[in-house]
Amino acid sequence: MITPQEITSLIQAEYPNAKVDLLDKTGMSDHFIIRVVTPAFEGVGIMDRHRAVMKCLEPAMQDGRLHAVELQTATA
């Protein structure tokens, strides 16, 4: 299991000004809907945005704290 605060910290380590909103999709603290909004995504394609966020979450995915995510990304 992982907390929303831990997820936010992982993402904001790479994107300090990002606004991160999370929803625990199943109530089990391992499946989340994550919305990341940052100006850093300006001019970046959706797949590259998602890859960048997934790279931030990789440690939690590898150690099993996080099982699945549904990503939404935006610049504003």
C-alpha atoms as a PDB file:
ATOM      1  CA  MET A   1       0.000   0.000   0.000  1.00  0.00           C
ATOM      2  CA  ILE A   2       1.014   3.564  -0.630  1.00  0.00           C
ATOM      3  CA  THR A   3      -0.438   6.806   0.639  1.00  0.00           C
ATOM      4  CA  PRO A   4      -1.596   9.655  -1.575  1.00  0.00           C
ATOM      5  CA  GLN A   5       1.061  11.818   0.098  1.00  0.00           C
ATOM      6  CA  GLU A   6       3.794   9.375  -0.952  1.00  0.00           C
ATOM      7  CA  ILE A   7       2.540   9.377  -4.547  1.00  0.00           C
ATOM      8  CA  THR A   8       2.421  13.164  -4.582  1.00  0.00           C
ATOM      9  CA  SER A   9       5.971  13.320  -3.203  1.00  0.00           C
ATOM     10  CA  LEU A  10       7.282  10.961  -5.881  1.00  0.00           C
ATOM     11  CA  ILE A  11       5.770  13.102  -8.637  1.00  0.00           C
ATOM     12  CA  GLN A  12       6.712  16.447  -7.098  1.00  0.00           C
ATOM     13  CA  ALA A  13      10.322  15.325  -6.696  1.00  0.00           C
ATOM     14  CA  GLU A  14      10.529  15.630 -10.510  1.00  0.00           C
ATOM     15  CA  TYR A  15       7.834  18.294 -10.996  1.00  0.00           C
ATOM     16  CA  PRO A  16       7.919  20.499  -7.866  1.00  0.00           C
ATOM     17  CA  ASN A  17       5.218  22.879  -9.081  1.00  0.00           C
ATOM     18  CA  ALA A  18       2.818  20.146 -10.184  1.00  0.00           C
ATOM     19  CA  LYS A  19      -0.682  19.999  -8.825  1.00  0.00           C
ATOM     20  CA  VAL A  20      -1.425  16.347  -8.068  1.00  0.00           C
ATOM     21  CA  ASP A  21      -4.960  15.081  -7.426  1.00  0.00           C
ATOM     22  CA  LEU A  22      -5.578  11.448  -6.541  1.00  0.00           C
ATOM     23  CA  LEU A  23      -8.519   9.118  -6.169  1.00  0.00           C
ATOM     24  CA  ASP A  24      -8.142   5.678  -4.592  1.00  0.00           C
ATOM     25  CA  LYS A  25     -10.029   3.729  -7.252  1.00  0.00           C
ATOM     26  CA  THR A  26     -10.669   0.546  -5.228  1.00  0.00           C
ATOM     27  CA  GLY A  27     -10.239   1.616  -1.602  1.00  0.00           C
ATOM     28  CA  MET A  28      -7.265  -0.754  -1.266  1.00  0.00           C
ATOM     29  CA  SER A  29      -4.545   1.938  -1.604  1.00  0.00           C
ATOM     30  CA  ASP A  30      -2.900   0.290  -4.595  1.00  0.00           C
ATOM     31  CA  HIS A  31      -5.027   1.430  -7.591  1.00  0.00           C
ATOM     32  CA  PHE A  32      -5.239   5.188  -8.171  1.00  0.00           C
ATOM     33  CA  ILE A  33      -6.577   7.685 -10.632  1.00  0.00           C
ATOM     34  CA  ILE A  34      -3.920  10.401 -10.741  1.00  0.00           C
ATOM     35  CA  ARG A  35      -4.250  13.824 -12.361  1.00  0.00           C
ATOM     36  CA  VAL A  36      -1.026  15.797 -12.759  1.00  0.00           C
ATOM     37  CA  VAL A  37      -1.135  19.412 -13.885  1.00  0.00           C
ATOM     38  CA  THR A  38       2.115  21.244 -14.567  1.00  0.00           C
ATOM     39  CA  PRO A  39       3.330  23.855 -17.031  1.00  0.00           C
ATOM     40  CA  ALA A  40       6.312  21.541 -17.631  1.00  0.00           C
ATOM     41  CA  PHE A  41       4.047  19.461 -19.876  1.00  0.00           C
ATOM     42  CA  GLU A  42       3.575  22.373 -22.311  1.00  0.00           C
ATOM     43  CA  GLY A  43       4.419  21.125 -25.804  1.00  0.00           C
ATOM     44  CA  VAL A  44       4.854  17.513 -24.592  1.00  0.00           C
ATOM     45  CA  GLY A  45       2.690  14.805 -26.170  1.00  0.00           C
ATOM     46  CA  ILE A  46       0.303  12.817 -24.011  1.00  0.00           C
ATOM     47  CA  MET A  47       2.281   9.572 -24.251  1.00  0.00           C
ATOM     48  CA  ASP A  48       5.501  11.315 -23.222  1.00  0.00           C
ATOM     49  CA  ARG A  49       3.677  12.983 -20.320  1.00  0.00           C
ATOM     50  CA  HIS A  50       2.403   9.614 -19.140  1.00  0.00           C
ATOM     51  CA  ARG A  51       5.829   8.008 -19.518  1.00  0.00           C
ATOM     52  CA  ALA A  52       7.359  10.807 -17.450  1.00  0.00           C
ATOM     53  CA  VAL A  53       4.836  10.366 -14.629  1.00  0.00           C
ATOM     54  CA  MET A  54       5.207   6.588 -14.711  1.00  0.00           C
ATOM     55  CA  LYS A  55       8.975   7.003 -14.386  1.00  0.00           C
ATOM     56  CA  CYS A  56       8.367   9.009 -11.202  1.00  0.00           C
ATOM     57  CA  LEU A  57       6.175   6.197  -9.873  1.00  0.00           C
ATOM     58  CA  GLU A  58       8.528   3.385 -10.904  1.00  0.00           C
ATOM     59  CA  PRO A  59      10.002   2.763  -7.414  1.00  0.00           C
ATOM     60  CA  ALA A  60       6.528   2.226  -5.942  1.00  0.00           C
ATOM     61  CA  MET A  61       5.475   0.034  -8.862  1.00  0.00           C
ATOM     62  CA  GLN A  62       8.598  -2.119  -8.598  1.00  0.00           C
ATOM     63  CA  ASP A  63       8.322  -2.733  -4.863  1.00  0.00           C
ATOM     64  CA  GLY A  64       4.601  -3.521  -5.107  1.00  0.00           C
ATOM     65  CA  ARG A  65       3.211  -0.593  -3.099  1.00  0.00           C
ATOM     66  CA  LEU A  66       1.433   0.633  -6.209  1.00  0.00           C
ATOM     67  CA  HIS A  67      -0.275  -1.820  -8.535  1.00  0.00           C
ATOM     68  CA  ALA A  68      -2.072   0.243 -11.159  1.00  0.00           C
ATOM     69  CA  VAL A  69      -2.725   3.828 -12.120  1.00  0.00           C
ATOM     70  CA  GLU A  70      -4.989   5.681 -14.501  1.00  0.00           C
ATOM     71  CA  LEU A  71      -3.275   8.915 -15.542  1.00  0.00           C
ATOM     72  CA  GLN A  72      -4.633  12.247 -16.600  1.00  0.00           C
ATOM     73  CA  THR A  73      -2.142  14.988 -17.445  1.00  0.00           C
ATOM     74  CA  ALA A  74      -2.573  18.640 -18.312  1.00  0.00           C
ATOM     75  CA  THR A  75      -0.727  21.944 -18.515  1.00  0.00           C
ATOM     76  CA  ALA A  76      -3.416  24.041 -16.839  1.00  0.00           C
END
